[in-house]
Amino acid sequence: MIAFLFSPLARYAAIALTVIGALTFIYAKGYSHGSAHVQRNWDAAVARAIERGTDARAEAEREIEPVVDQPAPASCPEAPVPKGVAPRKPAAAPVMPRWLRDDQRNRDNR
């Protein structure tokens, strides 16, 4: 056993393991720094988009005159139903599949 530790084969194995370990450490460090860089870029882009949207809204509010409140038009009376014709029934609500009904994040049917 001791002879193996001092043999050239053991030295080659130790050097190979050291190189592989160093490369693995460098790759992991670069990968984590790379993902942090991408996240920073994403956050900066979102902040820029919010700022541009706020500026555009403020500019539009300055350029467009405010709408003056106008009285609402009188509601139109319903048209008379001809004789022998049944009045229309309101449309039935669509049947939602169970997986969509139970979905808490379903924005279409809150």
PDB file of N, CA and C in Angstrom:
ATOM      1  N   MET A   1       0.815  -1.184   0.000  1.00  0.00           N
ATOM      2  CA  MET A   1       0.000   0.000   0.000  1.00  0.00           C
ATOM      3  C   MET A   1       0.862   1.252   0.000  1.00  0.00           C
ATOM      4  N   ILE A   2       1.875   1.289   0.848  1.00  0.00           N
ATOM      5  CA  ILE A   2       2.751   2.446   0.916  1.00  0.00           C
ATOM      6  C   ILE A   2       3.543   2.599  -0.380  1.00  0.00           C
ATOM      7  N   ALA A   3       3.892   1.482  -0.972  1.00  0.00           N
ATOM      8  CA  ALA A   3       4.627   1.546  -2.228  1.00  0.00           C
ATOM      9  C   ALA A   3       3.774   2.184  -3.316  1.00  0.00           C
ATOM     10  N   PHE A   4       2.464   1.930  -3.287  1.00  0.00           N
ATOM     11  CA  PHE A   4       1.586   2.524  -4.295  1.00  0.00           C
ATOM     12  C   PHE A   4       1.503   4.033  -4.144  1.00  0.00           C
ATOM     13  N   LEU A   5       1.488   4.531  -2.888  1.00  0.00           N
ATOM     14  CA  LEU A   5       1.374   5.961  -2.665  1.00  0.00           C
ATOM     15  C   LEU A   5       2.579   6.726  -3.211  1.00  0.00           C
ATOM     16  N   PHE A   6       3.731   6.075  -3.272  1.00  0.00           N
ATOM     17  CA  PHE A   6       4.925   6.748  -3.773  1.00  0.00           C
ATOM     18  C   PHE A   6       5.232   6.372  -5.211  1.00  0.00           C
ATOM     19  N   SER A   7       4.369   5.636  -5.870  1.00  0.00           N
ATOM     20  CA  SER A   7       4.633   5.204  -7.245  1.00  0.00           C
ATOM     21  C   SER A   7       4.262   6.317  -8.221  1.00  0.00           C
ATOM     22  N   PRO A   8       4.775   6.269  -9.429  1.00  0.00           N
ATOM     23  CA  PRO A   8       4.423   7.270 -10.450  1.00  0.00           C
ATOM     24  C   PRO A   8       2.929   7.243 -10.783  1.00  0.00           C
ATOM     25  N   LEU A   9       2.305   6.084 -10.731  1.00  0.00           N
ATOM     26  CA  LEU A   9       0.876   5.983 -11.022  1.00  0.00           C
ATOM     27  C   LEU A   9       0.061   6.778 -10.007  1.00  0.00           C
ATOM     28  N   ALA A  10       0.443   6.707  -8.744  1.00  0.00           N
ATOM     29  CA  ALA A  10      -0.263   7.449  -7.701  1.00  0.00           C
ATOM     30  C   ALA A  10      -0.072   8.947  -7.895  1.00  0.00           C
ATOM     31  N   ARG A  11       1.123   9.352  -8.313  1.00  0.00           N
ATOM     32  CA  ARG A  11       1.357  10.781  -8.572  1.00  0.00           C
ATOM     33  C   ARG A  11       0.487  11.271  -9.721  1.00  0.00           C
ATOM     34  N   TYR A  12       0.396  10.471 -10.790  1.00  0.00           N
ATOM     35  CA  TYR A  12      -0.442  10.857 -11.926  1.00  0.00           C
ATOM     36  C   TYR A  12      -1.912  10.952 -11.510  1.00  0.00           C
ATOM     37  N   ALA A  13      -2.350  10.025 -10.694  1.00  0.00           N
ATOM     38  CA  ALA A  13      -3.733  10.048 -10.218  1.00  0.00           C
ATOM     39  C   ALA A  13      -3.989  11.273  -9.343  1.00  0.00           C
ATOM     40  N   ALA A  14      -3.041  11.606  -8.469  1.00  0.00           N
ATOM     41  CA  ALA A  14      -3.190  12.782  -7.600  1.00  0.00           C
ATOM     42  C   ALA A  14      -3.214  14.065  -8.428  1.00  0.00           C
ATOM     43  N   ILE A  15      -2.343  14.147  -9.428  1.00  0.00           N
ATOM     44  CA  ILE A  15      -2.318  15.340 -10.290  1.00  0.00           C
ATOM     45  C   ILE A  15      -3.631  15.444 -11.062  1.00  0.00           C
ATOM     46  N   ALA A  16      -4.125  14.321 -11.588  1.00  0.00           N
ATOM     47  CA  ALA A  16      -5.380  14.328 -12.344  1.00  0.00           C
ATOM     48  C   ALA A  16      -6.545  14.742 -11.451  1.00  0.00           C
ATOM     49  N   LEU A  17      -6.598  14.205 -10.236  1.00  0.00           N
ATOM     50  CA  LEU A  17      -7.670  14.584  -9.321  1.00  0.00           C
ATOM     51  C   LEU A  17      -7.595  16.057  -8.934  1.00  0.00           C
ATOM     52  N   THR A  18      -6.386  16.579  -8.758  1.00  0.00           N
ATOM     53  CA  THR A  18      -6.218  17.995  -8.431  1.00  0.00           C
ATOM     54  C   THR A  18      -6.696  18.873  -9.579  1.00  0.00           C
ATOM     55  N   VAL A  19      -6.317  18.497 -10.802  1.00  0.00           N
ATOM     56  CA  VAL A  19      -6.732  19.285 -11.974  1.00  0.00           C
ATOM     57  C   VAL A  19      -8.252  19.228 -12.141  1.00  0.00           C
ATOM     58  N   ILE A  20      -8.829  18.038 -12.000  1.00  0.00           N
ATOM     59  CA  ILE A  20     -10.286  17.902 -12.135  1.00  0.00           C
ATOM     60  C   ILE A  20     -11.003  18.697 -11.049  1.00  0.00           C
ATOM     61  N   GLY A  21     -10.485  18.639  -9.833  1.00  0.00           N
ATOM     62  CA  GLY A  21     -11.098  19.413  -8.747  1.00  0.00           C
ATOM     63  C   GLY A  21     -11.015  20.904  -8.991  1.00  0.00           C
ATOM     64  N   ALA A  22      -9.854  21.373  -9.464  1.00  0.00           N
ATOM     65  CA  ALA A  22      -9.697  22.801  -9.736  1.00  0.00           C
ATOM     66  C   ALA A  22     -10.629  23.239 -10.860  1.00  0.00           C
ATOM     67  N   LEU A  23     -10.729  22.452 -11.929  1.00  0.00           N
ATOM     68  CA  LEU A  23     -11.618  22.806 -13.036  1.00  0.00           C
ATOM     69  C   LEU A  23     -13.081  22.795 -12.603  1.00  0.00           C
ATOM     70  N   THR A  24     -13.450  21.843 -11.769  1.00  0.00           N
ATOM     71  CA  THR A  24     -14.821  21.791 -11.267  1.00  0.00           C
ATOM     72  C   THR A  24     -15.129  23.019 -10.430  1.00  0.00           C
ATOM     73  N   PHE A  25     -14.192  23.419  -9.572  1.00  0.00           N
ATOM     74  CA  PHE A  25     -14.389  24.615  -8.751  1.00  0.00           C
ATOM     75  C   PHE A  25     -14.517  25.858  -9.623  1.00  0.00           C
ATOM     76  N   ILE A  26     -13.645  25.992 -10.622  1.00  0.00           N
ATOM     77  CA  ILE A  26     -13.684  27.165 -11.510  1.00  0.00           C
ATOM     78  C   ILE A  26     -15.000  27.197 -12.288  1.00  0.00           C
ATOM     79  N   TYR A  27     -15.446  26.036 -12.791  1.00  0.00           N
ATOM     80  CA  TYR A  27     -16.703  25.982 -13.536  1.00  0.00           C
ATOM     81  C   TYR A  27     -17.876  26.371 -12.643  1.00  0.00           C
ATOM     82  N   ALA A  28     -17.915  25.814 -11.431  1.00  0.00           N
ATOM     83  CA  ALA A  28     -19.028  26.117 -10.527  1.00  0.00           C
ATOM     84  C   ALA A  28     -19.039  27.595 -10.157  1.00  0.00           C
ATOM     85  N   LYS A  29     -17.863  28.149  -9.915  1.00  0.00           N
ATOM     86  CA  LYS A  29     -17.774  29.561  -9.562  1.00  0.00           C
ATOM     87  C   LYS A  29     -18.243  30.428 -10.729  1.00  0.00           C
ATOM     88  N   GLY A  30     -17.784  30.108 -11.939  1.00  0.00           N
ATOM     89  CA  GLY A  30     -18.198  30.866 -13.118  1.00  0.00           C
ATOM     90  C   GLY A  30     -19.676  30.725 -13.400  1.00  0.00           C
ATOM     91  N   TYR A  31     -20.224  29.528 -13.197  1.00  0.00           N
ATOM     92  CA  TYR A  31     -21.646  29.303 -13.452  1.00  0.00           C
ATOM     93  C   TYR A  31     -22.493  30.125 -12.488  1.00  0.00           C
ATOM     94  N   SER A  32     -22.134  30.122 -11.212  1.00  0.00           N
ATOM     95  CA  SER A  32     -22.929  30.875 -10.248  1.00  0.00           C
ATOM     96  C   SER A  32     -22.803  32.376 -10.486  1.00  0.00           C
ATOM     97  N   HIS A  33     -21.597  32.835 -10.848  1.00  0.00           N
ATOM     98  CA  HIS A  33     -21.431  34.259 -11.139  1.00  0.00           C
ATOM     99  C   HIS A  33     -22.162  34.620 -12.416  1.00  0.00           C
ATOM    100  N   GLY A  34     -22.188  33.705 -13.389  1.00  0.00           N
ATOM    101  CA  GLY A  34     -22.898  33.955 -14.635  1.00  0.00           C
ATOM    102  C   GLY A  34     -24.391  34.063 -14.422  1.00  0.00           C
ATOM    103  N   SER A  35     -24.954  33.188 -13.596  1.00  0.00           N
ATOM    104  CA  SER A  35     -26.388  33.254 -13.341  1.00  0.00           C
ATOM    105  C   SER A  35     -26.736  34.512 -12.544  1.00  0.00           C
ATOM    106  N   ALA A  36     -25.865  34.918 -11.640  1.00  0.00           N
ATOM    107  CA  ALA A  36     -26.099  36.155 -10.897  1.00  0.00           C
ATOM    108  C   ALA A  36     -26.040  37.352 -11.848  1.00  0.00           C
ATOM    109  N   HIS A  37     -25.142  37.315 -12.818  1.00  0.00           N
ATOM    110  CA  HIS A  37     -25.029  38.395 -13.801  1.00  0.00           C
ATOM    111  C   HIS A  37     -26.305  38.485 -14.635  1.00  0.00           C
ATOM    112  N   VAL A  38     -26.815  37.343 -15.079  1.00  0.00           N
ATOM    113  CA  VAL A  38     -28.042  37.328 -15.868  1.00  0.00           C
ATOM    114  C   VAL A  38     -29.209  37.852 -15.034  1.00  0.00           C
ATOM    115  N   GLN A  39     -29.281  37.463 -13.768  1.00  0.00           N
ATOM    116  CA  GLN A  39     -30.354  37.945 -12.895  1.00  0.00           C
ATOM    117  C   GLN A  39     -30.269  39.457 -12.706  1.00  0.00           C
ATOM    118  N   ARG A  40     -29.052  39.987 -12.533  1.00  0.00           N
ATOM    119  CA  ARG A  40     -28.885  41.435 -12.408  1.00  0.00           C
ATOM    120  C   ARG A  40     -29.341  42.149 -13.675  1.00  0.00           C
ATOM    121  N   ASN A  41     -28.983  41.596 -14.845  1.00  0.00           N
ATOM    122  CA  ASN A  41     -29.409  42.207 -16.103  1.00  0.00           C
ATOM    123  C   ASN A  41     -30.931  42.182 -16.218  1.00  0.00           C
ATOM    124  N   TRP A  42     -31.546  41.064 -15.823  1.00  0.00           N
ATOM    125  CA  TRP A  42     -32.993  40.947 -15.898  1.00  0.00           C
ATOM    126  C   TRP A  42     -33.662  41.971 -14.979  1.00  0.00           C
ATOM    127  N   ASP A  43     -33.174  42.081 -13.755  1.00  0.00           N
ATOM    128  CA  ASP A  43     -33.751  43.036 -12.814  1.00  0.00           C
ATOM    129  C   ASP A  43     -33.600  44.469 -13.316  1.00  0.00           C
ATOM    130  N   ALA A  44     -32.444  44.781 -13.913  1.00  0.00           N
ATOM    131  CA  ALA A  44     -32.229  46.122 -14.451  1.00  0.00           C
ATOM    132  C   ALA A  44     -33.175  46.386 -15.619  1.00  0.00           C
ATOM    133  N   ALA A  45     -33.407  45.390 -16.473  1.00  0.00           N
ATOM    134  CA  ALA A  45     -34.324  45.570 -17.606  1.00  0.00           C
ATOM    135  C   ALA A  45     -35.753  45.786 -17.119  1.00  0.00           C
ATOM    136  N   VAL A  46     -36.156  45.061 -16.093  1.00  0.00           N
ATOM    137  CA  VAL A  46     -37.500  45.249 -15.541  1.00  0.00           C
ATOM    138  C   VAL A  46     -37.627  46.646 -14.942  1.00  0.00           C
ATOM    139  N   ALA A  47     -36.605  47.094 -14.220  1.00  0.00           N
ATOM    140  CA  ALA A  47     -36.638  48.433 -13.626  1.00  0.00           C
ATOM    141  C   ALA A  47     -36.709  49.505 -14.719  1.00  0.00           C
ATOM    142  N   ARG A  48     -35.934  49.310 -15.798  1.00  0.00           N
ATOM    143  CA  ARG A  48     -35.981  50.281 -16.914  1.00  0.00           C
ATOM    144  C   ARG A  48     -37.362  50.301 -17.556  1.00  0.00           C
ATOM    145  N   ALA A  49     -37.961  49.127 -17.734  1.00  0.00           N
ATOM    146  CA  ALA A  49     -39.291  49.061 -18.341  1.00  0.00           C
ATOM    147  C   ALA A  49     -40.333  49.760 -17.462  1.00  0.00           C
ATOM    148  N   ILE A  50     -40.236  49.577 -16.164  1.00  0.00           N
ATOM    149  CA  ILE A  50     -41.167  50.242 -15.248  1.00  0.00           C
ATOM    150  C   ILE A  50     -40.975  51.747 -15.315  1.00  0.00           C
ATOM    151  N   GLU A  51     -39.724  52.176 -15.328  1.00  0.00           N
ATOM    152  CA  GLU A  51     -39.439  53.613 -15.383  1.00  0.00           C
ATOM    153  C   GLU A  51     -39.938  54.218 -16.695  1.00  0.00           C
ATOM    154  N   ARG A  52     -39.695  53.528 -17.813  1.00  0.00           N
ATOM    155  CA  ARG A  52     -40.159  54.035 -19.104  1.00  0.00           C
ATOM    156  C   ARG A  52     -41.682  54.077 -19.153  1.00  0.00           C
ATOM    157  N   GLY A  53     -42.334  53.075 -18.590  1.00  0.00           N
ATOM    158  CA  GLY A  53     -43.789  53.069 -18.556  1.00  0.00           C
ATOM    159  C   GLY A  53     -44.352  54.207 -17.718  1.00  0.00           C
ATOM    160  N   THR A  54     -43.721  54.467 -16.576  1.00  0.00           N
ATOM    161  CA  THR A  54     -44.155  55.571 -15.720  1.00  0.00           C
ATOM    162  C   THR A  54     -43.966  56.902 -16.424  1.00  0.00           C
ATOM    163  N   ASP A  55     -42.807  57.070 -17.090  1.00  0.00           N
ATOM    164  CA  ASP A  55     -42.554  58.312 -17.828  1.00  0.00           C
ATOM    165  C   ASP A  55     -43.548  58.493 -18.968  1.00  0.00           C
ATOM    166  N   ALA A  56     -43.842  57.411 -19.695  1.00  0.00           N
ATOM    167  CA  ALA A  56     -44.789  57.498 -20.811  1.00  0.00           C
ATOM    168  C   ALA A  56     -46.183  57.854 -20.314  1.00  0.00           C
ATOM    169  N   ARG A  57     -46.575  57.282 -19.182  1.00  0.00           N
ATOM    170  CA  ARG A  57     -47.894  57.603 -18.640  1.00  0.00           C
ATOM    171  C   ARG A  57     -47.961  59.070 -18.230  1.00  0.00           C
ATOM    172  N   ALA A  58     -46.917  59.549 -17.560  1.00  0.00           N
ATOM    173  CA  ALA A  58     -46.905  60.949 -17.141  1.00  0.00           C
ATOM    174  C   ALA A  58     -46.941  61.874 -18.355  1.00  0.00           C
ATOM    175  N   GLU A  59     -46.187  61.538 -19.399  1.00  0.00           N
ATOM    176  CA  GLU A  59     -46.177  62.365 -20.610  1.00  0.00           C
ATOM    177  C   GLU A  59     -47.551  62.351 -21.284  1.00  0.00           C
ATOM    178  N   ALA A  60     -48.184  61.183 -21.338  1.00  0.00           N
ATOM    179  CA  ALA A  60     -49.510  61.097 -21.951  1.00  0.00           C
ATOM    180  C   ALA A  60     -50.528  61.890 -21.149  1.00  0.00           C
ATOM    181  N   GLU A  61     -50.418  61.875 -19.840  1.00  0.00           N
ATOM    182  CA  GLU A  61     -51.345  62.648 -19.020  1.00  0.00           C
ATOM    183  C   GLU A  61     -51.136  64.145 -19.203  1.00  0.00           C
ATOM    184  N   ARG A  62     -49.908  64.569 -19.491  1.00  0.00           N
ATOM    185  CA  ARG A  62     -49.652  65.985 -19.761  1.00  0.00           C
ATOM    186  C   ARG A  62     -50.187  66.395 -21.133  1.00  0.00           C
ATOM    187  N   GLU A  63     -50.066  65.509 -22.129  1.00  0.00           N
ATOM    188  CA  GLU A  63     -50.441  65.855 -23.504  1.00  0.00           C
ATOM    189  C   GLU A  63     -51.942  65.787 -23.746  1.00  0.00           C
ATOM    190  N   ILE A  64     -52.634  64.863 -23.129  1.00  0.00           N
ATOM    191  CA  ILE A  64     -54.041  64.646 -23.409  1.00  0.00           C
ATOM    192  C   ILE A  64     -54.870  65.399 -22.378  1.00  0.00           C
ATOM    193  N   GLU A  65     -55.863  66.119 -22.896  1.00  0.00           N
ATOM    194  CA  GLU A  65     -56.715  66.872 -21.983  1.00  0.00           C
ATOM    195  C   GLU A  65     -57.610  65.903 -21.208  1.00  0.00           C
ATOM    196  N   PRO A  66     -57.931  66.262 -19.983  1.00  0.00           N
ATOM    197  CA  PRO A  66     -58.802  65.372 -19.217  1.00  0.00           C
ATOM    198  C   PRO A  66     -60.207  65.337 -19.823  1.00  0.00           C
ATOM    199  N   VAL A  67     -60.858  64.210 -19.706  1.00  0.00           N
ATOM    200  CA  VAL A  67     -62.197  64.026 -20.240  1.00  0.00           C
ATOM    201  C   VAL A  67     -63.191  64.673 -19.282  1.00  0.00           C
ATOM    202  N   VAL A  68     -64.086  65.490 -19.859  1.00  0.00           N
ATOM    203  CA  VAL A  68     -65.112  66.139 -19.054  1.00  0.00           C
ATOM    204  C   VAL A  68     -66.243  65.141 -18.842  1.00  0.00           C
ATOM    205  N   ASP A  69     -66.721  65.061 -17.625  1.00  0.00           N
ATOM    206  CA  ASP A  69     -67.816  64.132 -17.349  1.00  0.00           C
ATOM    207  C   ASP A  69     -69.055  64.543 -18.118  1.00  0.00           C
ATOM    208  N   GLN A  70     -69.578  63.624 -18.907  1.00  0.00           N
ATOM    209  CA  GLN A  70     -70.790  63.867 -19.662  1.00  0.00           C
ATOM    210  C   GLN A  70     -71.897  63.006 -19.068  1.00  0.00           C
ATOM    211  N   PRO A  71     -73.131  63.520 -19.164  1.00  0.00           N
ATOM    212  CA  PRO A  71     -74.219  62.699 -18.621  1.00  0.00           C
ATOM    213  C   PRO A  71     -74.358  61.410 -19.428  1.00  0.00           C
ATOM    214  N   ALA A  72     -74.680  60.373 -18.741  1.00  0.00           N
ATOM    215  CA  ALA A  72     -74.848  59.083 -19.409  1.00  0.00           C
ATOM    216  C   ALA A  72     -76.101  59.124 -20.265  1.00  0.00           C
ATOM    217  N   PRO A  73     -76.061  58.522 -21.456  1.00  0.00           N
ATOM    218  CA  PRO A  73     -77.262  58.523 -22.304  1.00  0.00           C
ATOM    219  C   PRO A  73     -78.372  57.710 -21.646  1.00  0.00           C
ATOM    220  N   ALA A  74     -79.606  58.128 -21.945  1.00  0.00           N
ATOM    221  CA  ALA A  74     -80.751  57.398 -21.386  1.00  0.00           C
ATOM    222  C   ALA A  74     -80.727  55.979 -21.924  1.00  0.00           C
ATOM    223  N   SER A  75     -81.001  55.047 -21.062  1.00  0.00           N
ATOM    224  CA  SER A  75     -80.961  53.657 -21.509  1.00  0.00           C
ATOM    225  C   SER A  75     -82.077  53.414 -22.513  1.00  0.00           C
ATOM    226  N   CYS A  76     -81.760  52.654 -23.499  1.00  0.00           N
ATOM    227  CA  CYS A  76     -82.707  52.339 -24.565  1.00  0.00           C
ATOM    228  C   CYS A  76     -83.690  51.300 -24.049  1.00  0.00           C
ATOM    229  N   PRO A  77     -84.997  51.531 -24.200  1.00  0.00           N
ATOM    230  CA  PRO A  77     -85.940  50.504 -23.746  1.00  0.00           C
ATOM    231  C   PRO A  77     -85.823  49.270 -24.625  1.00  0.00           C
ATOM    232  N   GLU A  78     -86.116  48.148 -24.045  1.00  0.00           N
ATOM    233  CA  GLU A  78     -86.007  46.909 -24.806  1.00  0.00           C
ATOM    234  C   GLU A  78     -87.025  46.906 -25.928  1.00  0.00           C
ATOM    235  N   ALA A  79     -86.617  46.318 -27.034  1.00  0.00           N
ATOM    236  CA  ALA A  79     -87.526  46.228 -28.171  1.00  0.00           C
ATOM    237  C   ALA A  79     -88.665  45.289 -27.816  1.00  0.00           C
ATOM    238  N   PRO A  80     -89.870  45.592 -28.306  1.00  0.00           N
ATOM    239  CA  PRO A  80     -90.997  44.697 -27.996  1.00  0.00           C
ATOM    240  C   PRO A  80     -90.803  43.342 -28.658  1.00  0.00           C
ATOM    241  N   VAL A  81     -91.243  42.314 -27.966  1.00  0.00           N
ATOM    242  CA  VAL A  81     -91.124  40.953 -28.490  1.00  0.00           C
ATOM    243  C   VAL A  81     -92.361  40.667 -29.342  1.00  0.00           C
ATOM    244  N   PRO A  82     -92.137  40.261 -30.607  1.00  0.00           N
ATOM    245  CA  PRO A  82     -93.300  39.955 -31.457  1.00  0.00           C
ATOM    246  C   PRO A  82     -94.107  38.803 -30.875  1.00  0.00           C
ATOM    247  N   LYS A  83     -95.366  38.768 -31.247  1.00  0.00           N
ATOM    248  CA  LYS A  83     -96.241  37.718 -30.743  1.00  0.00           C
ATOM    249  C   LYS A  83     -95.781  36.374 -31.278  1.00  0.00           C
ATOM    250  N   GLY A  84     -95.857  35.367 -30.450  1.00  0.00           N
ATOM    251  CA  GLY A  84     -95.497  34.018 -30.854  1.00  0.00           C
ATOM    252  C   GLY A  84     -94.007  33.717 -30.748  1.00  0.00           C
ATOM    253  N   VAL A  85     -93.214  34.685 -30.317  1.00  0.00           N
ATOM    254  CA  VAL A  85     -91.768  34.479 -30.178  1.00  0.00           C
ATOM    255  C   VAL A  85     -91.424  34.542 -28.697  1.00  0.00           C
ATOM    256  N   ALA A  86     -90.764  33.525 -28.228  1.00  0.00           N
ATOM    257  CA  ALA A  86     -90.374  33.502 -26.821  1.00  0.00           C
ATOM    258  C   ALA A  86     -89.180  34.431 -26.615  1.00  0.00           C
ATOM    259  N   PRO A  87     -89.150  35.122 -25.495  1.00  0.00           N
ATOM    260  CA  PRO A  87     -87.985  35.986 -25.245  1.00  0.00           C
ATOM    261  C   PRO A  87     -86.715  35.150 -25.112  1.00  0.00           C
ATOM    262  N   ARG A  88     -85.600  35.772 -25.433  1.00  0.00           N
ATOM    263  CA  ARG A  88     -84.310  35.066 -25.372  1.00  0.00           C
ATOM    264  C   ARG A  88     -83.928  34.783 -23.934  1.00  0.00           C
ATOM    265  N   LYS A  89     -83.350  33.620 -23.766  1.00  0.00           N
ATOM    266  CA  LYS A  89     -82.819  33.267 -22.456  1.00  0.00           C
ATOM    267  C   LYS A  89     -81.360  33.708 -22.403  1.00  0.00           C
ATOM    268  N   PRO A  90     -80.895  34.076 -21.240  1.00  0.00           N
ATOM    269  CA  PRO A  90     -79.465  34.419 -21.162  1.00  0.00           C
ATOM    270  C   PRO A  90     -78.611  33.185 -21.424  1.00  0.00           C
ATOM    271  N   ALA A  91     -77.452  33.412 -21.990  1.00  0.00           N
ATOM    272  CA  ALA A  91     -76.549  32.313 -22.307  1.00  0.00           C
ATOM    273  C   ALA A  91     -76.090  31.627 -21.027  1.00  0.00           C
ATOM    274  N   ALA A  92     -75.987  30.320 -21.095  1.00  0.00           N
ATOM    275  CA  ALA A  92     -75.534  29.556 -19.932  1.00  0.00           C
ATOM    276  C   ALA A  92     -74.033  29.768 -19.740  1.00  0.00           C
ATOM    277  N   ALA A  93     -73.612  29.704 -18.519  1.00  0.00           N
ATOM    278  CA  ALA A  93     -72.187  29.848 -18.228  1.00  0.00           C
ATOM    279  C   ALA A  93     -71.443  28.652 -18.811  1.00  0.00           C
ATOM    280  N   PRO A  94     -70.258  28.871 -19.339  1.00  0.00           N
ATOM    281  CA  PRO A  94     -69.507  27.749 -19.911  1.00  0.00           C
ATOM    282  C   PRO A  94     -69.131  26.743 -18.827  1.00  0.00           C
ATOM    283  N   VAL A  95     -69.120  25.492 -19.202  1.00  0.00           N
ATOM    284  CA  VAL A  95     -68.752  24.435 -18.270  1.00  0.00           C
ATOM    285  C   VAL A  95     -67.235  24.338 -18.249  1.00  0.00           C
ATOM    286  N   MET A  96     -66.676  24.550 -17.096  1.00  0.00           N
ATOM    287  CA  MET A  96     -65.218  24.544 -16.970  1.00  0.00           C
ATOM    288  C   MET A  96     -64.771  23.145 -16.556  1.00  0.00           C
ATOM    289  N   PRO A  97     -63.684  22.666 -17.126  1.00  0.00           N
ATOM    290  CA  PRO A  97     -63.161  21.369 -16.674  1.00  0.00           C
ATOM    291  C   PRO A  97     -62.769  21.433 -15.201  1.00  0.00           C
ATOM    292  N   ARG A  98     -62.800  20.293 -14.547  1.00  0.00           N
ATOM    293  CA  ARG A  98     -62.530  20.256 -13.105  1.00  0.00           C
ATOM    294  C   ARG A  98     -61.144  20.788 -12.769  1.00  0.00           C
ATOM    295  N   TRP A  99     -60.148  20.448 -13.574  1.00  0.00           N
ATOM    296  CA  TRP A  99     -58.785  20.900 -13.260  1.00  0.00           C
ATOM    297  C   TRP A  99     -58.669  22.405 -13.383  1.00  0.00           C
ATOM    298  N   LEU A 100     -59.537  23.039 -14.187  1.00  0.00           N
ATOM    299  CA  LEU A 100     -59.486  24.485 -14.323  1.00  0.00           C
ATOM    300  C   LEU A 100     -60.347  25.161 -13.277  1.00  0.00           C
ATOM    301  N   ARG A 101     -61.452  24.511 -12.894  1.00  0.00           N
ATOM    302  CA  ARG A 101     -62.310  25.073 -11.850  1.00  0.00           C
ATOM    303  C   ARG A 101     -61.573  25.164 -10.531  1.00  0.00           C
ATOM    304  N   ASP A 102     -60.761  24.167 -10.226  1.00  0.00           N
ATOM    305  CA  ASP A 102     -60.085  24.112  -8.938  1.00  0.00           C
ATOM    306  C   ASP A 102     -58.755  24.855  -8.938  1.00  0.00           C
ATOM    307  N   ASP A 103     -58.384  25.434 -10.074  1.00  0.00           N
ATOM    308  CA  ASP A 103     -57.107  26.132 -10.163  1.00  0.00           C
ATOM    309  C   ASP A 103     -57.221  27.490  -9.472  1.00  0.00           C
ATOM    310  N   GLN A 104     -56.389  27.718  -8.483  1.00  0.00           N
ATOM    311  CA  GLN A 104     -56.443  28.963  -7.714  1.00  0.00           C
ATOM    312  C   GLN A 104     -55.971  30.161  -8.550  1.00  0.00           C
ATOM    313  N   ARG A 105     -55.152  29.906  -9.572  1.00  0.00           N
ATOM    314  CA  ARG A 105     -54.598  30.999 -10.363  1.00  0.00           C
ATOM    315  C   ARG A 105     -55.360  31.224 -11.678  1.00  0.00           C
ATOM    316  N   ASN A 106     -56.562  30.686 -11.801  1.00  0.00           N
ATOM    317  CA  ASN A 106     -57.354  30.861 -12.998  1.00  0.00           C
ATOM    318  C   ASN A 106     -57.916  32.277 -13.002  1.00  0.00           C
ATOM    319  N   ARG A 107     -57.410  33.132 -13.888  1.00  0.00           N
ATOM    320  CA  ARG A 107     -57.819  34.527 -13.907  1.00  0.00           C
ATOM    321  C   ARG A 107     -59.116  34.722 -14.679  1.00  0.00           C
ATOM    322  N   ASP A 108     -59.514  33.741 -15.480  1.00  0.00           N
ATOM    323  CA  ASP A 108     -60.701  33.915 -16.302  1.00  0.00           C
ATOM    324  C   ASP A 108     -61.989  33.718 -15.524  1.00  0.00           C
ATOM    325  N   ASN A 109     -61.928  33.007 -14.437  1.00  0.00           N
ATOM    326  CA  ASN A 109     -63.160  32.674 -13.722  1.00  0.00           C
ATOM    327  C   ASN A 109     -62.940  32.844 -12.227  1.00  0.00           C
ATOM    328  N   ARG A 110     -62.760  34.049 -11.793  1.00  0.00           N
ATOM    329  CA  ARG A 110     -62.499  34.290 -10.361  1.00  0.00           C
ATOM    330  C   ARG A 110     -63.764  34.449  -9.603  1.00  0.00           C
TER     331      ARG A 110
END
